């Protein structure tokens, strides 16, 4: 998926976190959508643990709770993607439909250091 297609997909999602990921991509960041798919319940479990850990450590996130809820409610395989801001300060995880035509959820985490 090229950056223009990825930016359009992020824009269509309509959430603040997706808008931030889109802005990061268009401001010189990098984006990728990986091949393959994972079970949404497995991803929901993983990211629920990450949500607890980030709350405990105070690490700044965006849209993580919403992403966990959306993954828990989804029943079909999910593809993963990522946008990293040009300065490396933020990484956004993208959860897409198996055909990568729909963005199901988007979460961001501020990188430490």
C-alpha atoms as a PDB file:
ATOM      1  CA  UNK A   1       0.000   0.000   0.000  1.00  0.00           C
ATOM      2  CA  UNK A   2       1.484   3.333  -0.996  1.00  0.00           C
ATOM      3  CA  UNK A   3       1.503   6.385   1.320  1.00  0.00           C
ATOM      4  CA  UNK A   4      -1.348   8.102  -0.555  1.00  0.00           C
ATOM      5  CA  UNK A   5      -3.610   5.071  -0.169  1.00  0.00           C
ATOM      6  CA  UNK A   6      -2.664   4.713   3.488  1.00  0.00           C
ATOM      7  CA  UNK A   7      -3.337   8.420   4.131  1.00  0.00           C
ATOM      8  CA  UNK A   8      -6.790   8.093   2.511  1.00  0.00           C
ATOM      9  CA  UNK A   9      -7.574   5.055   4.644  1.00  0.00           C
ATOM     10  CA  UNK A  10      -6.562   6.918   7.804  1.00  0.00           C
ATOM     11  CA  UNK A  11      -8.655   9.927   6.787  1.00  0.00           C
ATOM     12  CA  UNK A  12     -11.730   7.755   6.236  1.00  0.00           C
ATOM     13  CA  UNK A  13     -11.566   6.349   9.773  1.00  0.00           C
ATOM     14  CA  UNK A  14     -12.645   9.631  11.342  1.00  0.00           C
ATOM     15  CA  UNK A  15     -10.949   9.298  14.743  1.00  0.00           C
ATOM     16  CA  UNK A  16      -8.503  11.727  16.308  1.00  0.00           C
ATOM     17  CA  UNK A  17      -5.820   9.052  16.563  1.00  0.00           C
ATOM     18  CA  UNK A  18      -6.140   8.136  12.866  1.00  0.00           C
ATOM     19  CA  UNK A  19      -5.954  11.851  11.996  1.00  0.00           C
ATOM     20  CA  UNK A  20      -2.739  12.134  14.026  1.00  0.00           C
ATOM     21  CA  UNK A  21      -1.294   9.061  12.276  1.00  0.00           C
ATOM     22  CA  UNK A  22      -2.238  10.550   8.900  1.00  0.00           C
ATOM     23  CA  UNK A  23      -0.597  13.867   9.787  1.00  0.00           C
ATOM     24  CA  UNK A  24       2.561  12.009  10.886  1.00  0.00           C
ATOM     25  CA  UNK A  25       2.629  10.091   7.606  1.00  0.00           C
ATOM     26  CA  UNK A  26       2.117  13.204   5.468  1.00  0.00           C
ATOM     27  CA  UNK A  27       4.737  15.109   7.469  1.00  0.00           C
ATOM     28  CA  UNK A  28       7.521  12.756   6.363  1.00  0.00           C
ATOM     29  CA  UNK A  29       6.753   9.706   8.482  1.00  0.00           C
ATOM     30  CA  UNK A  30       6.872   6.133   7.248  1.00  0.00           C
ATOM     31  CA  UNK A  31       4.024   3.696   6.852  1.00  0.00           C
ATOM     32  CA  UNK A  32       3.685   0.011   6.177  1.00  0.00           C
ATOM     33  CA  UNK A  33       0.943  -2.619   6.024  1.00  0.00           C
ATOM     34  CA  UNK A  34       2.204  -6.135   6.556  1.00  0.00           C
ATOM     35  CA  UNK A  35       1.051  -9.296   4.803  1.00  0.00           C
ATOM     36  CA  UNK A  36      -0.778 -11.929   6.789  1.00  0.00           C
ATOM     37  CA  UNK A  37      -3.489 -11.642   9.394  1.00  0.00           C
ATOM     38  CA  UNK A  38      -4.085 -12.456  13.042  1.00  0.00           C
ATOM     39  CA  UNK A  39      -7.092 -13.414  15.114  1.00  0.00           C
ATOM     40  CA  UNK A  40      -8.770 -10.318  16.588  1.00  0.00           C
ATOM     41  CA  UNK A  41      -9.284 -11.952  19.985  1.00  0.00           C
ATOM     42  CA  UNK A  42      -5.538 -12.638  20.219  1.00  0.00           C
ATOM     43  CA  UNK A  43      -4.748  -9.023  19.344  1.00  0.00           C
ATOM     44  CA  UNK A  44      -7.361  -7.740  21.810  1.00  0.00           C
ATOM     45  CA  UNK A  45      -5.730  -9.805  24.572  1.00  0.00           C
ATOM     46  CA  UNK A  46      -2.236  -8.523  23.718  1.00  0.00           C
ATOM     47  CA  UNK A  47      -3.285  -4.892  23.534  1.00  0.00           C
ATOM     48  CA  UNK A  48      -5.399  -5.140  26.688  1.00  0.00           C
ATOM     49  CA  UNK A  49      -2.197  -6.124  28.513  1.00  0.00           C
ATOM     50  CA  UNK A  50      -0.359  -3.219  26.878  1.00  0.00           C
ATOM     51  CA  UNK A  51      -3.129  -0.871  27.994  1.00  0.00           C
ATOM     52  CA  UNK A  52      -2.719  -2.009  31.598  1.00  0.00           C
ATOM     53  CA  UNK A  53       1.063  -1.668  31.380  1.00  0.00           C
ATOM     54  CA  UNK A  54       0.980   1.815  29.843  1.00  0.00           C
ATOM     55  CA  UNK A  55      -1.447   2.963  32.512  1.00  0.00           C
ATOM     56  CA  UNK A  56       0.803   1.561  35.215  1.00  0.00           C
ATOM     57  CA  UNK A  57       3.966   3.145  33.795  1.00  0.00           C
ATOM     58  CA  UNK A  58       2.408   6.401  32.656  1.00  0.00           C
ATOM     59  CA  UNK A  59       3.489   5.973  29.042  1.00  0.00           C
ATOM     60  CA  UNK A  60       1.463   8.273  26.787  1.00  0.00           C
ATOM     61  CA  UNK A  61      -0.891   6.562  24.343  1.00  0.00           C
ATOM     62  CA  UNK A  62      -3.666   7.626  21.993  1.00  0.00           C
ATOM     63  CA  UNK A  63      -6.761   5.572  21.204  1.00  0.00           C
ATOM     64  CA  UNK A  64      -5.512   2.392  22.880  1.00  0.00           C
ATOM     65  CA  UNK A  65      -8.647   1.665  24.912  1.00  0.00           C
ATOM     66  CA  UNK A  66     -10.851   2.231  21.848  1.00  0.00           C
ATOM     67  CA  UNK A  67      -8.641  -0.072  19.768  1.00  0.00           C
ATOM     68  CA  UNK A  68      -8.919  -2.851  22.361  1.00  0.00           C
ATOM     69  CA  UNK A  69     -12.713  -2.501  22.406  1.00  0.00           C
ATOM     70  CA  UNK A  70     -12.940  -2.564  18.603  1.00  0.00           C
ATOM     71  CA  UNK A  71     -10.670  -5.613  18.350  1.00  0.00           C
ATOM     72  CA  UNK A  72     -12.665  -7.466  21.001  1.00  0.00           C
ATOM     73  CA  UNK A  73     -15.868  -6.859  19.020  1.00  0.00           C
ATOM     74  CA  UNK A  74     -14.408  -7.848  15.636  1.00  0.00           C
ATOM     75  CA  UNK A  75     -14.717 -11.455  14.462  1.00  0.00           C
ATOM     76  CA  UNK A  76     -12.677 -11.694  11.252  1.00  0.00           C
ATOM     77  CA  UNK A  77      -8.884 -11.845  10.754  1.00  0.00           C
ATOM     78  CA  UNK A  78      -7.032  -8.557  11.139  1.00  0.00           C
ATOM     79  CA  UNK A  79      -4.019  -7.208   9.236  1.00  0.00           C
ATOM     80  CA  UNK A  80      -1.524  -4.967  10.940  1.00  0.00           C
ATOM     81  CA  UNK A  81       0.121  -1.790   9.792  1.00  0.00           C
ATOM     82  CA  UNK A  82       2.255   0.924  11.312  1.00  0.00           C
ATOM     83  CA  UNK A  83       2.992   4.616  10.890  1.00  0.00           C
ATOM     84  CA  UNK A  84       6.060   6.130  12.525  1.00  0.00           C
ATOM     85  CA  UNK A  85       6.430   9.889  12.761  1.00  0.00           C
ATOM     86  CA  UNK A  86       9.447  11.428  11.036  1.00  0.00           C
ATOM     87  CA  UNK A  87      11.046  12.311  14.377  1.00  0.00           C
ATOM     88  CA  UNK A  88      10.338   8.851  15.792  1.00  0.00           C
ATOM     89  CA  UNK A  89       8.409  10.316  18.734  1.00  0.00           C
ATOM     90  CA  UNK A  90       5.170   8.480  17.932  1.00  0.00           C
ATOM     91  CA  UNK A  91       4.377   5.056  16.529  1.00  0.00           C
ATOM     92  CA  UNK A  92       0.830   4.315  15.410  1.00  0.00           C
ATOM     93  CA  UNK A  93      -0.458   0.760  15.085  1.00  0.00           C
ATOM     94  CA  UNK A  94      -3.126   0.166  12.475  1.00  0.00           C
ATOM     95  CA  UNK A  95      -5.609  -2.687  12.619  1.00  0.00           C
ATOM     96  CA  UNK A  96      -7.155  -3.337   9.226  1.00  0.00           C
ATOM     97  CA  UNK A  97      -9.621  -5.707   7.638  1.00  0.00           C
ATOM     98  CA  UNK A  98      -8.009  -8.751   6.063  1.00  0.00           C
ATOM     99  CA  UNK A  99      -8.250  -7.176   2.586  1.00  0.00           C
ATOM    100  CA  UNK A 100      -6.744  -3.908   3.970  1.00  0.00           C
ATOM    101  CA  UNK A 101      -9.653  -1.862   2.619  1.00  0.00           C
ATOM    102  CA  UNK A 102     -11.022  -0.830   6.004  1.00  0.00           C
ATOM    103  CA  UNK A 103      -9.252   0.599   9.026  1.00  0.00           C
ATOM    104  CA  UNK A 104     -10.805  -1.061  12.081  1.00  0.00           C
ATOM    105  CA  UNK A 105      -8.804   0.689  14.793  1.00  0.00           C
ATOM    106  CA  UNK A 106      -5.767   2.879  15.301  1.00  0.00           C
ATOM    107  CA  UNK A 107      -3.663   3.425  18.388  1.00  0.00           C
ATOM    108  CA  UNK A 108      -0.549   5.441  19.051  1.00  0.00           C
ATOM    109  CA  UNK A 109       2.228   5.329  21.596  1.00  0.00           C
ATOM    110  CA  UNK A 110       4.766   8.022  22.383  1.00  0.00           C
ATOM    111  CA  UNK A 111       8.243   6.533  22.228  1.00  0.00           C
ATOM    112  CA  UNK A 112      10.434   7.183  25.222  1.00  0.00           C
ATOM    113  CA  UNK A 113      13.903   8.593  24.961  1.00  0.00           C
END
